[in-house]
Amino acid sequence: MTHGNLLDLVATAGPVIGVIGFAGVVGWVLTTWMRVKNGYPLDGQWGQALYPKRDDETVERVKLLTQENGQLRAELGAIKDRLANVERIVTDSGNMLSHEIERLRDRAN
């Protein structure tokens, strides 16, 4: 191999090695992002699992969100019941409509 051919090989291999290295870094970033997005634990440098740290503020926030979730579910159940009553009233005949409205008014008071 001549000196000129070796320089041509090195000049060609440099960008190829750079592109391969860049693709490796981009692949690592994307796989790490996908793992975090889907809830998988991250791995440390030697393969040990790294979990997010839990502090008191985070635990309290989860507790408050759980309570709020329960309240919203109860409220949604009540709204579904009211909607079922309104649907039944709307689909009933006109004679039954006035009786049902009066019954609901009496129950509300």
C-alpha atoms as a PDB file:
ATOM      1  CA  MET A   1       0.000   0.000   0.000  1.00  0.00           C
ATOM      2  CA  THR A   2       1.440   3.351  -0.949  1.00  0.00           C
ATOM      3  CA  HIS A   3       1.562   6.411   1.206  1.00  0.00           C
ATOM      4  CA  GLY A   4      -1.100   8.177  -0.916  1.00  0.00           C
ATOM      5  CA  ASN A   5      -3.545   5.279  -0.708  1.00  0.00           C
ATOM      6  CA  LEU A   6      -3.173   5.136   3.070  1.00  0.00           C
ATOM      7  CA  LEU A   7      -3.966   8.837   3.377  1.00  0.00           C
ATOM      8  CA  ASP A   8      -7.024   8.386   1.165  1.00  0.00           C
ATOM      9  CA  LEU A   9      -8.190   5.502   3.359  1.00  0.00           C
ATOM     10  CA  VAL A  10      -7.756   7.535   6.549  1.00  0.00           C
ATOM     11  CA  ALA A  11      -9.486  10.545   4.977  1.00  0.00           C
ATOM     12  CA  THR A  12     -12.435   8.363   3.985  1.00  0.00           C
ATOM     13  CA  ALA A  13     -12.619   6.394   7.239  1.00  0.00           C
ATOM     14  CA  GLY A  14     -12.639   9.482   9.489  1.00  0.00           C
ATOM     15  CA  PRO A  15     -16.102  10.762   8.514  1.00  0.00           C
ATOM     16  CA  VAL A  16     -17.494   7.214   8.441  1.00  0.00           C
ATOM     17  CA  ILE A  17     -16.277   6.568  11.984  1.00  0.00           C
ATOM     18  CA  GLY A  18     -17.706   9.941  13.042  1.00  0.00           C
ATOM     19  CA  VAL A  19     -21.124   9.128  11.573  1.00  0.00           C
ATOM     20  CA  ILE A  20     -21.134   5.705  13.251  1.00  0.00           C
ATOM     21  CA  GLY A  21     -20.210   7.282  16.593  1.00  0.00           C
ATOM     22  CA  PHE A  22     -22.888   9.945  16.225  1.00  0.00           C
ATOM     23  CA  ALA A  23     -25.497   7.305  15.344  1.00  0.00           C
ATOM     24  CA  GLY A  24     -24.512   5.340  18.452  1.00  0.00           C
ATOM     25  CA  VAL A  25     -24.996   8.371  20.699  1.00  0.00           C
ATOM     26  CA  VAL A  26     -28.351   9.218  19.098  1.00  0.00           C
ATOM     27  CA  GLY A  27     -29.476   5.596  19.519  1.00  0.00           C
ATOM     28  CA  TRP A  28     -28.486   5.602  23.187  1.00  0.00           C
ATOM     29  CA  VAL A  29     -30.384   8.852  23.807  1.00  0.00           C
ATOM     30  CA  LEU A  30     -33.500   7.548  22.052  1.00  0.00           C
ATOM     31  CA  THR A  31     -33.541   4.222  23.897  1.00  0.00           C
ATOM     32  CA  THR A  32     -33.038   5.970  27.240  1.00  0.00           C
ATOM     33  CA  TRP A  33     -35.869   8.375  26.443  1.00  0.00           C
ATOM     34  CA  MET A  34     -38.171   5.484  25.470  1.00  0.00           C
ATOM     35  CA  ARG A  35     -37.370   3.637  28.701  1.00  0.00           C
ATOM     36  CA  VAL A  36     -38.133   6.701  30.815  1.00  0.00           C
ATOM     37  CA  LYS A  37     -41.292   7.448  28.840  1.00  0.00           C
ATOM     38  CA  ASN A  38     -42.622   3.917  29.359  1.00  0.00           C
ATOM     39  CA  GLY A  39     -41.758   3.717  33.052  1.00  0.00           C
ATOM     40  CA  TYR A  40     -38.756   1.388  32.939  1.00  0.00           C
ATOM     41  CA  PRO A  41     -35.967   2.029  35.435  1.00  0.00           C
ATOM     42  CA  LEU A  42     -32.748   3.512  34.139  1.00  0.00           C
ATOM     43  CA  ASP A  43     -29.508   1.553  34.294  1.00  0.00           C
ATOM     44  CA  GLY A  44     -26.364   2.917  35.874  1.00  0.00           C
ATOM     45  CA  GLN A  45     -22.894   2.675  34.434  1.00  0.00           C
ATOM     46  CA  TRP A  46     -22.467  -0.951  35.584  1.00  0.00           C
ATOM     47  CA  GLY A  47     -26.025  -2.122  34.902  1.00  0.00           C
ATOM     48  CA  GLN A  48     -27.506  -1.414  38.339  1.00  0.00           C
ATOM     49  CA  ALA A  49     -31.036   0.021  38.324  1.00  0.00           C
ATOM     50  CA  LEU A  50     -31.371   3.708  39.121  1.00  0.00           C
ATOM     51  CA  TYR A  51     -34.738   4.696  40.504  1.00  0.00           C
ATOM     52  CA  PRO A  52     -36.034   8.228  40.879  1.00  0.00           C
ATOM     53  CA  LYS A  53     -35.603   9.540  44.388  1.00  0.00           C
ATOM     54  CA  ARG A  54     -38.743   9.934  46.458  1.00  0.00           C
ATOM     55  CA  ASP A  55     -38.943  12.859  48.768  1.00  0.00           C
ATOM     56  CA  ASP A  56     -41.680  13.895  51.187  1.00  0.00           C
ATOM     57  CA  GLU A  57     -43.061  16.470  48.771  1.00  0.00           C
ATOM     58  CA  THR A  58     -43.555  13.863  46.048  1.00  0.00           C
ATOM     59  CA  VAL A  59     -45.243  11.416  48.430  1.00  0.00           C
ATOM     60  CA  GLU A  60     -47.580  14.154  49.677  1.00  0.00           C
ATOM     61  CA  ARG A  61     -48.395  15.215  46.137  1.00  0.00           C
ATOM     62  CA  VAL A  62     -49.288  11.638  45.155  1.00  0.00           C
ATOM     63  CA  LYS A  63     -51.516  11.383  48.230  1.00  0.00           C
ATOM     64  CA  LEU A  64     -53.338  14.616  47.339  1.00  0.00           C
ATOM     65  CA  LEU A  65     -53.774  13.559  43.724  1.00  0.00           C
ATOM     66  CA  THR A  66     -55.179  10.201  44.860  1.00  0.00           C
ATOM     67  CA  GLN A  67     -57.717  11.969  47.087  1.00  0.00           C
ATOM     68  CA  GLU A  68     -58.689  14.343  44.301  1.00  0.00           C
ATOM     69  CA  ASN A  69     -59.069  11.397  41.942  1.00  0.00           C
ATOM     70  CA  GLY A  70     -61.489   9.720  44.369  1.00  0.00           C
ATOM     71  CA  GLN A  71     -63.528  12.908  44.728  1.00  0.00           C
ATOM     72  CA  LEU A  72     -63.719  13.393  40.977  1.00  0.00           C
ATOM     73  CA  ARG A  73     -64.808   9.779  40.476  1.00  0.00           C
ATOM     74  CA  ALA A  74     -67.602  10.221  43.028  1.00  0.00           C
ATOM     75  CA  GLU A  75     -68.690  13.452  41.357  1.00  0.00           C
ATOM     76  CA  LEU A  76     -68.649  11.758  37.960  1.00  0.00           C
ATOM     77  CA  GLY A  77     -70.854   8.966  39.326  1.00  0.00           C
ATOM     78  CA  ALA A  78     -73.372  11.521  40.605  1.00  0.00           C
ATOM     79  CA  ILE A  79     -73.372  13.307  37.254  1.00  0.00           C
ATOM     80  CA  LYS A  80     -73.974  10.006  35.449  1.00  0.00           C
ATOM     81  CA  ASP A  81     -76.974   9.323  37.709  1.00  0.00           C
ATOM     82  CA  ARG A  82     -78.393  12.778  37.020  1.00  0.00           C
ATOM     83  CA  LEU A  83     -77.867  12.328  33.290  1.00  0.00           C
ATOM     84  CA  ALA A  84     -79.665   8.970  33.395  1.00  0.00           C
ATOM     85  CA  ASN A  85     -82.637  10.672  35.108  1.00  0.00           C
ATOM     86  CA  VAL A  86     -82.702  13.445  32.516  1.00  0.00           C
ATOM     87  CA  GLU A  87     -82.531  10.912  29.667  1.00  0.00           C
ATOM     88  CA  ARG A  88     -85.370   8.925  31.179  1.00  0.00           C
ATOM     89  CA  ILE A  89     -87.476  12.076  31.593  1.00  0.00           C
ATOM     90  CA  VAL A  90     -86.835  13.190  28.023  1.00  0.00           C
ATOM     91  CA  THR A  91     -87.719   9.815  26.534  1.00  0.00           C
ATOM     92  CA  ASP A  92     -90.887   9.263  28.626  1.00  0.00           C
ATOM     93  CA  SER A  93     -94.304  10.323  27.424  1.00  0.00           C
ATOM     94  CA  GLY A  94     -95.664  13.815  28.134  1.00  0.00           C
ATOM     95  CA  ASN A  95     -98.075  12.629  30.845  1.00  0.00           C
ATOM     96  CA  MET A  96     -95.313  10.995  32.851  1.00  0.00           C
ATOM     97  CA  LEU A  97     -93.063  14.020  32.374  1.00  0.00           C
ATOM     98  CA  SER A  98     -94.975  16.357  34.681  1.00  0.00           C
ATOM     99  CA  HIS A  99     -95.220  13.688  37.406  1.00  0.00           C
ATOM    100  CA  GLU A 100     -91.500  12.954  37.226  1.00  0.00           C
ATOM    101  CA  ILE A 101     -90.566  16.648  37.391  1.00  0.00           C
ATOM    102  CA  GLU A 102     -92.729  17.124  40.461  1.00  0.00           C
ATOM    103  CA  ARG A 103     -91.243  14.023  42.102  1.00  0.00           C
ATOM    104  CA  LEU A 104     -87.711  15.299  41.499  1.00  0.00           C
ATOM    105  CA  ARG A 105     -88.611  18.737  42.851  1.00  0.00           C
ATOM    106  CA  ASP A 106     -90.061  17.188  45.990  1.00  0.00           C
ATOM    107  CA  ARG A 107     -86.966  15.020  46.439  1.00  0.00           C
ATOM    108  CA  ALA A 108     -84.651  18.038  45.999  1.00  0.00           C
ATOM    109  CA  ASN A 109     -86.498  20.006  48.668  1.00  0.00           C
END
